[in-house]
Amino acid sequence: MRTLQMAIVVSVAAVSATAAEVRQVSQRGKEFRPEAIEMTTGDTLRIMNDDTFLHHVYVKHPNMNFDSGGRRPGEPVDLRFAKPGTYEVECEIHPKMKLTVEVK
């Protein structure tokens, strides 16, 4: 019986570990597309520079500070949000570009 309980715990942990998703957002036309996204804690947000010029990914939040530096066309940036909250992602090169990320 103890072996069965351990097997169930290991199985549940394996399912939880693989349940994290990779969500994708595009930087194109001086916009994040979409401009808002909802995610679950532990999911990865992949931001792809789908434009023909340099972009940037920047997050300043009590739970997270991130600065990608300049990203050339075709370069992805992966962000992982460890805590719930509402995060604003910006492109410092193009200040009107804003992405709202709601992490639950």
C-alpha atoms as a PDB file:
ATOM      1  CA  MET A   1       0.000   0.000   0.000  1.00  0.00           C
ATOM      2  CA  ARG A   2       2.844   2.402   0.837  1.00  0.00           C
ATOM      3  CA  THR A   3       4.388   1.776  -2.587  1.00  0.00           C
ATOM      4  CA  LEU A   4       1.062   2.585  -4.247  1.00  0.00           C
ATOM      5  CA  GLN A   5       0.789   5.866  -2.302  1.00  0.00           C
ATOM      6  CA  MET A   6       4.314   6.849  -3.339  1.00  0.00           C
ATOM      7  CA  ALA A   7       3.556   5.990  -6.975  1.00  0.00           C
ATOM      8  CA  ILE A   8       0.447   8.182  -6.894  1.00  0.00           C
ATOM      9  CA  VAL A   9       2.403  11.102  -5.384  1.00  0.00           C
ATOM     10  CA  VAL A  10       5.126  10.752  -8.024  1.00  0.00           C
ATOM     11  CA  SER A  11       2.500  10.582 -10.800  1.00  0.00           C
ATOM     12  CA  VAL A  12       0.713  13.707  -9.549  1.00  0.00           C
ATOM     13  CA  ALA A  13       4.043  15.573  -9.306  1.00  0.00           C
ATOM     14  CA  ALA A  14       4.929  14.553 -12.863  1.00  0.00           C
ATOM     15  CA  VAL A  15       1.558  15.769 -14.184  1.00  0.00           C
ATOM     16  CA  SER A  16       1.942  19.080 -12.315  1.00  0.00           C
ATOM     17  CA  ALA A  17       5.449  19.573 -13.700  1.00  0.00           C
ATOM     18  CA  THR A  18       4.284  19.061 -17.280  1.00  0.00           C
ATOM     19  CA  ALA A  19       1.121  21.142 -16.879  1.00  0.00           C
ATOM     20  CA  ALA A  20       3.057  24.423 -17.244  1.00  0.00           C
ATOM     21  CA  GLU A  21       2.388  26.050 -20.602  1.00  0.00           C
ATOM     22  CA  VAL A  22       4.425  28.180 -22.939  1.00  0.00           C
ATOM     23  CA  ARG A  23       2.309  31.140 -24.058  1.00  0.00           C
ATOM     24  CA  GLN A  24       3.496  33.243 -26.994  1.00  0.00           C
ATOM     25  CA  VAL A  25       3.199  36.964 -27.693  1.00  0.00           C
ATOM     26  CA  SER A  26       4.515  38.788 -30.749  1.00  0.00           C
ATOM     27  CA  GLN A  27       6.271  42.149 -31.021  1.00  0.00           C
ATOM     28  CA  ARG A  28       5.255  43.545 -34.404  1.00  0.00           C
ATOM     29  CA  GLY A  29       4.277  46.941 -35.795  1.00  0.00           C
ATOM     30  CA  LYS A  30       5.355  48.638 -32.554  1.00  0.00           C
ATOM     31  CA  GLU A  31       2.760  46.567 -30.641  1.00  0.00           C
ATOM     32  CA  PHE A  32       2.606  43.527 -28.451  1.00  0.00           C
ATOM     33  CA  ARG A  33       0.094  41.118 -29.993  1.00  0.00           C
ATOM     34  CA  PRO A  34      -2.060  40.432 -28.081  1.00  0.00           C
ATOM     35  CA  GLU A  35      -1.868  43.449 -25.766  1.00  0.00           C
ATOM     36  CA  ALA A  36      -3.079  41.443 -22.733  1.00  0.00           C
ATOM     37  CA  ILE A  37      -2.726  37.825 -21.673  1.00  0.00           C
ATOM     38  CA  GLU A  38      -3.717  35.676 -18.694  1.00  0.00           C
ATOM     39  CA  MET A  39      -1.357  33.016 -17.388  1.00  0.00           C
ATOM     40  CA  THR A  40      -0.924  30.620 -14.514  1.00  0.00           C
ATOM     41  CA  THR A  41       1.971  30.891 -12.069  1.00  0.00           C
ATOM     42  CA  GLY A  42       4.874  28.859 -13.440  1.00  0.00           C
ATOM     43  CA  ASP A  43       3.880  29.210 -17.099  1.00  0.00           C
ATOM     44  CA  THR A  44       6.445  30.627 -19.504  1.00  0.00           C
ATOM     45  CA  LEU A  45       5.730  33.682 -21.610  1.00  0.00           C
ATOM     46  CA  ARG A  46       7.693  33.672 -24.867  1.00  0.00           C
ATOM     47  CA  ILE A  47       7.880  37.097 -26.503  1.00  0.00           C
ATOM     48  CA  MET A  48       9.047  36.875 -30.100  1.00  0.00           C
ATOM     49  CA  ASN A  49      10.418  39.833 -32.031  1.00  0.00           C
ATOM     50  CA  ASP A  50       8.465  39.289 -35.257  1.00  0.00           C
ATOM     51  CA  ASP A  51       9.430  42.698 -36.599  1.00  0.00           C
ATOM     52  CA  THR A  52      12.154  43.925 -38.936  1.00  0.00           C
ATOM     53  CA  PHE A  53      13.829  46.109 -36.298  1.00  0.00           C
ATOM     54  CA  LEU A  54      15.160  46.059 -32.743  1.00  0.00           C
ATOM     55  CA  HIS A  55      12.793  45.628 -29.783  1.00  0.00           C
ATOM     56  CA  HIS A  56      13.239  45.347 -26.030  1.00  0.00           C
ATOM     57  CA  VAL A  57      11.443  43.574 -23.165  1.00  0.00           C
ATOM     58  CA  TYR A  58      11.305  45.252 -19.777  1.00  0.00           C
ATOM     59  CA  VAL A  59       9.416  44.419 -16.544  1.00  0.00           C
ATOM     60  CA  LYS A  60       9.605  46.460 -13.349  1.00  0.00           C
ATOM     61  CA  HIS A  61       7.355  45.038 -10.626  1.00  0.00           C
ATOM     62  CA  PRO A  62       7.757  44.308  -6.888  1.00  0.00           C
ATOM     63  CA  ASN A  63       7.764  40.564  -7.753  1.00  0.00           C
ATOM     64  CA  MET A  64      10.024  40.796 -10.799  1.00  0.00           C
ATOM     65  CA  ASN A  65      12.618  42.990 -12.475  1.00  0.00           C
ATOM     66  CA  PHE A  66      13.714  42.018 -15.963  1.00  0.00           C
ATOM     67  CA  ASP A  67      15.593  43.773 -18.757  1.00  0.00           C
ATOM     68  CA  SER A  68      16.315  41.868 -21.965  1.00  0.00           C
ATOM     69  CA  GLY A  69      18.381  44.551 -23.628  1.00  0.00           C
ATOM     70  CA  GLY A  70      17.923  45.040 -27.366  1.00  0.00           C
ATOM     71  CA  ARG A  71      16.528  42.019 -29.241  1.00  0.00           C
ATOM     72  CA  ARG A  72      17.051  41.640 -32.982  1.00  0.00           C
ATOM     73  CA  PRO A  73      14.347  40.366 -35.350  1.00  0.00           C
ATOM     74  CA  GLY A  74      13.593  36.692 -34.726  1.00  0.00           C
ATOM     75  CA  GLU A  75      15.007  36.692 -31.176  1.00  0.00           C
ATOM     76  CA  PRO A  76      12.724  35.332 -28.443  1.00  0.00           C
ATOM     77  CA  VAL A  77      12.620  36.335 -24.786  1.00  0.00           C
ATOM     78  CA  ASP A  78      11.271  33.837 -22.233  1.00  0.00           C
ATOM     79  CA  LEU A  79       9.789  35.096 -18.954  1.00  0.00           C
ATOM     80  CA  ARG A  80       8.562  32.964 -16.082  1.00  0.00           C
ATOM     81  CA  PHE A  81       6.299  34.525 -13.490  1.00  0.00           C
ATOM     82  CA  ALA A  82       6.816  32.945 -10.061  1.00  0.00           C
ATOM     83  CA  LYS A  83       4.106  34.899  -8.227  1.00  0.00           C
ATOM     84  CA  PRO A  84       0.542  35.945  -9.045  1.00  0.00           C
ATOM     85  CA  GLY A  85      -0.110  39.560  -9.943  1.00  0.00           C
ATOM     86  CA  THR A  86      -0.633  42.011 -12.758  1.00  0.00           C
ATOM     87  CA  TYR A  87       2.569  42.770 -14.616  1.00  0.00           C
ATOM     88  CA  GLU A  88       3.198  45.397 -17.266  1.00  0.00           C
ATOM     89  CA  VAL A  89       5.726  44.465 -19.935  1.00  0.00           C
ATOM     90  CA  GLU A  90       7.147  47.279 -22.032  1.00  0.00           C
ATOM     91  CA  CYS A  91       9.525  47.939 -24.896  1.00  0.00           C
ATOM     92  CA  GLU A  92      11.862  50.668 -23.711  1.00  0.00           C
ATOM     93  CA  ILE A  93      12.766  51.495 -27.324  1.00  0.00           C
ATOM     94  CA  HIS A  94       9.079  52.067 -28.213  1.00  0.00           C
ATOM     95  CA  PRO A  95       7.404  53.482 -25.056  1.00  0.00           C
ATOM     96  CA  LYS A  96       3.834  53.116 -26.377  1.00  0.00           C
ATOM     97  CA  MET A  97       4.257  49.327 -26.548  1.00  0.00           C
ATOM     98  CA  LYS A  98       2.667  47.778 -23.478  1.00  0.00           C
ATOM     99  CA  LEU A  99       1.601  44.250 -22.613  1.00  0.00           C
ATOM    100  CA  THR A 100      -0.506  43.466 -19.542  1.00  0.00           C
ATOM    101  CA  VAL A 101       0.128  40.023 -18.052  1.00  0.00           C
ATOM    102  CA  GLU A 102      -2.345  38.732 -15.455  1.00  0.00           C
ATOM    103  CA  VAL A 103      -0.791  35.835 -13.531  1.00  0.00           C
ATOM    104  CA  LYS A 104      -3.104  33.727 -11.383  1.00  0.00           C
END
